[in-house]
Protein backbone atom coordinates (compact mmCIF):
# COMPACT_ATOMS: atom_id res chain seq x y z
CA MET A 1 0.00 0.00 0.00
CA PHE A 2 2.78 2.43 0.95
CA HIS A 3 4.70 1.80 -2.29
CA ARG A 4 1.58 2.27 -4.40
CA HIS A 5 0.65 5.57 -2.67
CA VAL A 6 4.06 7.25 -2.34
CA GLY A 7 5.84 5.73 -5.34
CA VAL A 8 8.95 4.38 -3.62
CA PRO A 9 9.61 1.31 -1.44
CA PRO A 10 9.44 1.81 2.37
CA THR A 11 13.14 0.92 2.85
CA PHE A 12 14.07 3.52 0.27
CA TYR A 13 11.75 6.10 1.86
CA ARG A 14 13.49 5.72 5.23
CA LYS A 15 16.75 6.94 3.66
CA VAL A 16 15.28 10.13 2.14
CA LYS A 17 17.46 12.57 4.04
CA LYS A 18 20.53 11.13 2.30
CA LEU A 19 19.07 10.97 -1.20
CA ARG A 20 20.67 12.48 -4.26
CA VAL A 21 17.61 13.77 -6.12
CA ALA A 22 17.48 14.82 -9.77
CA VAL A 23 14.65 16.51 -11.64
CA ALA A 24 13.62 15.72 -15.22
CA ALA A 25 10.73 18.03 -15.98
CA SER A 26 9.36 20.75 -18.21
CA LEU A 27 7.30 21.97 -15.25
CA PRO A 28 9.11 23.92 -12.48
CA TYR A 29 9.69 20.97 -10.18
CA ARG A 30 13.13 22.29 -9.28
CA ASP A 31 11.47 25.40 -7.81
CA SER A 32 9.13 23.15 -5.88
CA LEU A 33 12.03 21.24 -4.32
CA LEU A 34 13.88 24.46 -3.50
CA SER A 35 10.80 25.84 -1.75
CA PHE A 36 11.06 23.13 0.90
CA GLY A 37 14.84 23.18 1.12
CA VAL A 38 15.94 20.42 -1.28
CA GLU A 39 18.64 21.26 -3.86
CA PRO A 40 18.53 18.75 -6.76
CA VAL A 41 21.87 17.38 -7.93
CA ALA A 42 20.70 17.86 -11.53
CA SER A 43 17.75 19.49 -13.26
CA VAL A 44 17.10 18.65 -16.92
CA ASN A 45 14.34 19.09 -19.46
CA LEU A 46 14.30 16.45 -22.20
CA PHE A 47 11.14 17.62 -23.93
CA ARG A 48 11.47 18.53 -27.61
CA TYR A 49 9.77 21.88 -28.10
CA PRO A 50 8.13 22.93 -31.38
CA GLY A 51 10.64 24.72 -33.59
CA MET A 52 13.63 22.63 -32.47
CA ALA A 53 15.43 21.03 -35.41
CA VAL A 54 16.29 17.34 -35.12
CA LYS A 55 20.02 17.99 -34.90
CA GLU A 56 19.57 20.73 -32.32
CA TYR A 57 17.42 18.49 -30.15
CA GLU A 58 19.90 15.63 -30.42
CA LEU A 59 22.68 17.90 -29.15
CA VAL A 60 20.55 19.31 -26.33
CA PHE A 61 19.34 15.84 -25.34
CA ALA A 62 22.89 14.41 -25.29
CA SER A 63 24.10 17.26 -23.07
CA GLN A 64 21.16 16.98 -20.66
CA TRP A 65 21.39 13.19 -20.48
CA GLU A 66 25.10 13.39 -19.74
CA GLU A 67 24.36 15.84 -16.92
CA LEU A 68 21.82 13.43 -15.49
CA GLU A 69 24.21 10.47 -15.67
CA ARG A 70 27.08 12.46 -14.19
CA ALA A 71 24.94 13.46 -11.18
CA LYS A 72 24.45 9.78 -10.19
CA PRO A 73 21.05 10.38 -8.55
CA ASP A 74 19.32 7.91 -6.25
CA LEU A 75 15.93 9.23 -7.33
CA ILE A 76 14.62 11.02 -10.43
CA ILE A 77 11.45 13.08 -10.07
CA GLY A 78 9.76 13.82 -13.38
CA ASP A 79 6.57 15.21 -14.86
CA PHE A 80 4.08 13.83 -17.40
CA TYR A 81 6.15 15.25 -20.27
CA HIS A 82 8.82 12.69 -19.40
CA PHE A 83 6.76 9.51 -19.20
CA SER A 84 8.37 8.15 -22.37
CA PHE A 85 11.75 8.13 -20.59
CA ARG A 86 10.59 6.06 -17.61
CA ASP A 87 12.41 2.88 -18.67
CA ARG A 88 15.59 4.72 -19.59
CA PHE A 89 15.65 6.47 -16.21
CA GLN A 90 15.99 3.04 -14.59
CA GLY A 91 19.47 2.79 -16.09
CA ILE A 92 20.53 5.94 -14.20
CA ALA A 93 18.68 5.84 -10.87
CA PRO A 94 17.26 2.90 -8.93
CA VAL A 95 13.96 4.73 -8.46
CA SER A 96 12.03 7.27 -10.52
CA SER A 97 8.76 8.94 -9.59
CA LEU A 98 6.84 10.54 -12.45
CA LEU A 99 4.04 12.75 -11.17
CA ALA A 100 0.96 13.02 -13.38
CA ASP A 101 -1.70 14.61 -11.18
CA ARG A 102 -3.39 17.62 -12.81
CA SER A 103 -3.34 19.39 -9.45
CA TRP A 104 -0.11 21.29 -8.79
CA VAL A 105 -0.53 21.05 -5.02
CA ASN A 106 -1.11 17.28 -5.06
CA ASN A 107 2.14 16.80 -6.98
CA TYR A 108 3.88 19.24 -4.65
CA ARG A 109 2.76 17.39 -1.55
CA LYS A 110 3.70 14.04 -3.03
CA MET A 111 7.23 15.31 -3.78
CA ALA A 112 7.50 16.53 -0.21
CA GLU A 113 6.23 13.23 1.18
CA ILE A 114 8.75 11.22 -0.85
CA LEU A 115 11.56 13.44 0.44
CA GLY A 116 10.43 13.64 4.05
CA SER A 117 9.69 17.36 3.78
CA SER A 118 5.93 17.44 4.28
CA GLU A 119 6.14 19.90 7.18
CA GLU A 120 8.23 22.36 5.16
CA ALA A 121 5.93 21.99 2.17
CA GLU A 122 2.82 22.72 4.23
CA GLN A 123 4.49 25.84 5.59
CA ALA A 124 5.10 26.98 2.00
CA VAL A 125 1.48 26.21 1.04
CA ASN A 126 0.22 28.20 4.04
CA ARG A 127 2.46 31.16 3.23
CA LEU A 128 1.16 31.13 -0.32
CA ALA A 129 -2.45 31.02 0.94
CA MET A 130 -1.85 34.17 3.02
CA ARG A 131 -0.25 35.87 0.03
CA VAL A 132 -3.22 34.94 -2.16
CA ALA A 133 -5.71 36.25 0.42
CA ALA A 134 -3.93 39.61 0.64
CA ALA A 135 -3.71 39.92 -3.15
CA ARG A 136 -7.38 38.97 -3.56
CA SER A 137 -8.41 41.90 -1.33
CA LEU A 138 -6.19 44.33 -3.26
CA LEU A 139 -7.46 43.12 -6.64
CA ALA A 140 -11.11 43.25 -5.55
CA ALA A 141 -10.69 46.89 -4.54
CA ARG A 142 -8.76 47.85 -7.68
CA MET A 143 -10.56 45.81 -10.33
CA GLY A 144 -14.11 46.43 -9.16
CA GLY A 145 -15.49 43.42 -11.00
CA LYS A 146 -13.58 44.07 -14.22
CA SER A 147 -13.02 40.94 -16.28
CA ILE A 148 -9.97 39.31 -17.82
CA VAL A 149 -9.38 36.74 -20.52
CA VAL A 150 -6.21 34.66 -20.87
CA LEU A 151 -5.10 33.84 -24.42
CA GLN A 152 -2.27 31.52 -25.38
CA VAL A 153 -0.97 31.97 -28.92
CA THR A 154 0.82 28.90 -30.25
CA ASN A 155 2.36 28.05 -33.61
CA HIS A 156 -0.90 26.28 -34.53
CA ASN A 157 -3.81 28.19 -33.03
CA ILE A 158 -5.28 30.47 -30.40
CA ARG A 159 -6.23 28.99 -27.03
CA ILE A 160 -8.77 30.79 -24.87
CA GLN A 161 -8.22 29.59 -21.32
CA GLY A 162 -11.29 28.58 -19.34
CA ALA A 163 -11.94 29.31 -15.69
CA THR A 164 -11.16 25.76 -14.45
CA ASP A 165 -9.04 22.66 -15.03
CA HIS A 166 -5.60 24.29 -15.00
CA PRO A 167 -3.46 25.57 -12.10
CA LEU A 168 -3.35 29.05 -13.69
CA SER A 169 -7.13 29.22 -14.15
CA GLU A 170 -7.67 28.05 -10.59
CA LEU A 171 -5.31 30.74 -9.28
CA LEU A 172 -6.76 33.63 -11.27
CA PHE A 173 -10.47 32.86 -11.26
CA GLY A 174 -10.74 30.74 -8.14
CA GLU A 175 -8.26 31.79 -5.48
CA LEU A 176 -7.83 35.43 -6.57
CA GLY A 177 -11.51 35.81 -7.41
CA LEU A 178 -11.05 37.52 -10.77
CA GLN A 179 -13.97 37.72 -13.19
CA PRO A 180 -13.44 35.75 -16.43
CA GLY A 181 -14.23 37.45 -19.72
CA ARG A 182 -17.33 36.20 -21.50
CA THR A 183 -17.50 34.38 -24.83
CA GLU A 184 -20.22 32.34 -26.49
CA GLN A 185 -18.55 29.24 -24.99
CA SER A 186 -17.66 30.63 -21.56
CA ASN A 187 -18.17 27.24 -19.91
CA ALA A 188 -15.46 25.51 -21.97
CA LYS A 189 -12.33 24.43 -20.09
CA ARG A 190 -10.25 25.64 -23.01
CA LEU A 191 -11.22 26.73 -26.50
CA GLU A 192 -8.77 26.15 -29.36
CA LEU A 193 -9.36 27.73 -32.75
CA GLN A 194 -7.74 29.39 -35.73
CA PRO A 195 -7.21 33.14 -35.27
CA GLU A 196 -9.78 34.02 -37.96
CA TRP A 197 -12.42 32.22 -35.86
CA LEU A 198 -11.75 34.28 -32.73
CA PRO A 199 -15.17 34.91 -31.16
CA GLN A 200 -16.44 38.15 -29.68
CA ILE A 201 -14.97 38.38 -26.18
CA ASP A 202 -16.50 40.66 -23.57
CA THR A 203 -13.51 41.51 -21.35
CA ASP A 204 -11.77 44.48 -19.74
CA TYR A 205 -8.27 42.96 -19.82
CA ALA A 206 -6.63 40.51 -22.24
CA LEU A 207 -3.58 38.64 -20.95
CA VAL A 208 -1.63 37.16 -23.86
CA PHE A 209 1.17 34.59 -23.79
CA GLN A 210 3.00 33.89 -27.05
CA ASN A 211 4.22 30.29 -26.92
CA HIS A 212 6.64 28.58 -29.32
CA ILE A 213 7.75 31.79 -31.04
CA ARG A 214 10.54 29.95 -32.85
CA ALA A 215 7.94 27.66 -34.41
CA GLY A 216 5.86 30.52 -35.79
CA SER A 217 3.44 31.80 -33.15
CA GLU A 218 4.20 35.40 -34.20
CA THR A 219 2.39 34.73 -37.48
CA ILE A 220 -0.66 33.39 -35.63
CA TYR A 221 -0.60 36.43 -33.34
CA ASP A 222 -0.48 38.85 -36.30
CA ARG A 223 -3.41 37.04 -37.92
CA MET A 224 -5.41 37.33 -34.71
CA CYS A 225 -4.66 41.05 -34.40
CA GLY A 226 -6.04 41.58 -37.90
CA THR A 227 -9.49 40.20 -37.09
CA HIS A 228 -12.58 42.28 -36.41
CA ALA A 229 -13.22 40.33 -33.18
CA TRP A 230 -9.81 41.34 -31.84
CA ARG A 231 -10.00 44.99 -32.87
CA SER A 232 -13.50 45.36 -31.40
CA MET A 233 -12.57 43.81 -28.05
CA ARG A 234 -13.00 46.33 -25.23
CA ALA A 235 -9.61 45.39 -23.74
CA VAL A 236 -7.92 46.15 -27.06
CA GLN A 237 -9.74 49.45 -27.59
CA ASN A 238 -8.84 50.60 -24.07
CA GLY A 239 -5.18 49.57 -24.33
CA ASN A 240 -5.50 46.82 -21.74
CA VAL A 241 -3.71 44.04 -23.64
CA LEU A 242 -0.96 42.72 -21.38
CA LEU A 243 1.76 40.38 -22.67
CA ILE A 244 2.68 37.86 -19.99
CA PRO A 245 5.53 35.35 -19.58
CA ASN A 246 4.72 31.66 -19.28
CA TRP A 247 2.28 31.84 -16.38
CA PHE A 248 0.94 28.45 -17.50
CA LYS A 249 4.23 26.84 -16.51
CA MET A 250 4.90 29.08 -13.51
CA SER A 251 1.54 28.21 -11.94
CA TRP A 252 2.80 24.69 -11.10
CA SER A 253 4.93 25.79 -8.10
CA PRO A 254 4.48 28.03 -5.04
CA ILE A 255 7.37 30.24 -6.14
CA GLY A 256 5.88 30.67 -9.61
CA ARG A 257 2.41 31.39 -8.24
CA GLU A 258 3.82 34.17 -6.05
CA GLU A 259 5.61 35.63 -9.07
CA ILE A 260 2.34 35.59 -11.04
CA ILE A 261 0.62 37.47 -8.21
CA ASP A 262 3.40 40.09 -8.12
CA GLU A 263 3.27 40.58 -11.89
CA LEU A 264 -0.52 40.77 -11.92
CA LEU A 265 -0.52 43.43 -9.20
CA MET A 266 2.06 45.42 -11.13
CA MET A 267 0.17 45.13 -14.43
CA THR A 268 -3.11 46.26 -12.92
CA ASP A 269 -1.44 49.01 -10.86
CA THR A 270 -2.64 47.34 -7.67
CA LEU A 271 0.55 47.29 -5.60
CA PRO A 272 0.37 49.21 -2.31
CA GLU A 273 2.32 52.47 -2.40
CA ALA A 274 5.03 51.17 -0.05
CA ALA A 275 5.65 48.19 -2.32
CA LYS A 276 5.83 50.41 -5.43
CA GLU A 277 8.47 52.63 -3.82
CA SER A 278 10.65 49.60 -3.11
CA GLN A 279 10.58 48.38 -6.74
């Protein structure tokens, strides 16, 4: 039962304080480990991103794999982007734990449990909860019910993020209490479409992340900006289009979630005066 729940054998678990831990993830699992005081001996990302040529990826992969082998980890913690490497990881570390839960905090707590750091992890979660509560009050006073929409522009399409089913959506529209912009399919978890099919969106702010720029997302973005639906959007007409970094990725760790909150407060001019003066 223990092995099935935690992911490592009990005898292995009892030695956690001496473990050499490596991370193989596209998600910010390294930040998660650092937040409860664990420094990984290696941190690699073996995912092949759109726009990477075969030769380039082969070179990057060889370098990252060598780093992983050189670190000689006892345990490799990975994300769902690295499931295809599960068998190969066994040749480097005796145990690997690949976390596939769609909840960032469930994965975070499982990492902490494996490494004997549950108390430190809960302290980090509680600190984050207090930070969220304070930011929610500031945003409620500043935004006054104004709405936001989150758009991800990829090399293939436009993705309109829904209000649920992703750590970023849950942070913005759940924990921070922001009002989602309205579309004809407002209940969708995520809407993917070609830029010319962008629907009318009733929103005060548009937060835009351009993903996979090397693979051509700039072209998709330009096509979107040329549509009537985009030009007629209230957020666009009022100059409230905000380009954001990869909040989708950042939302998977406490450190990243705090950074999102800081950036959101800055973008919406919501920081308290004392905080602004210290910037």
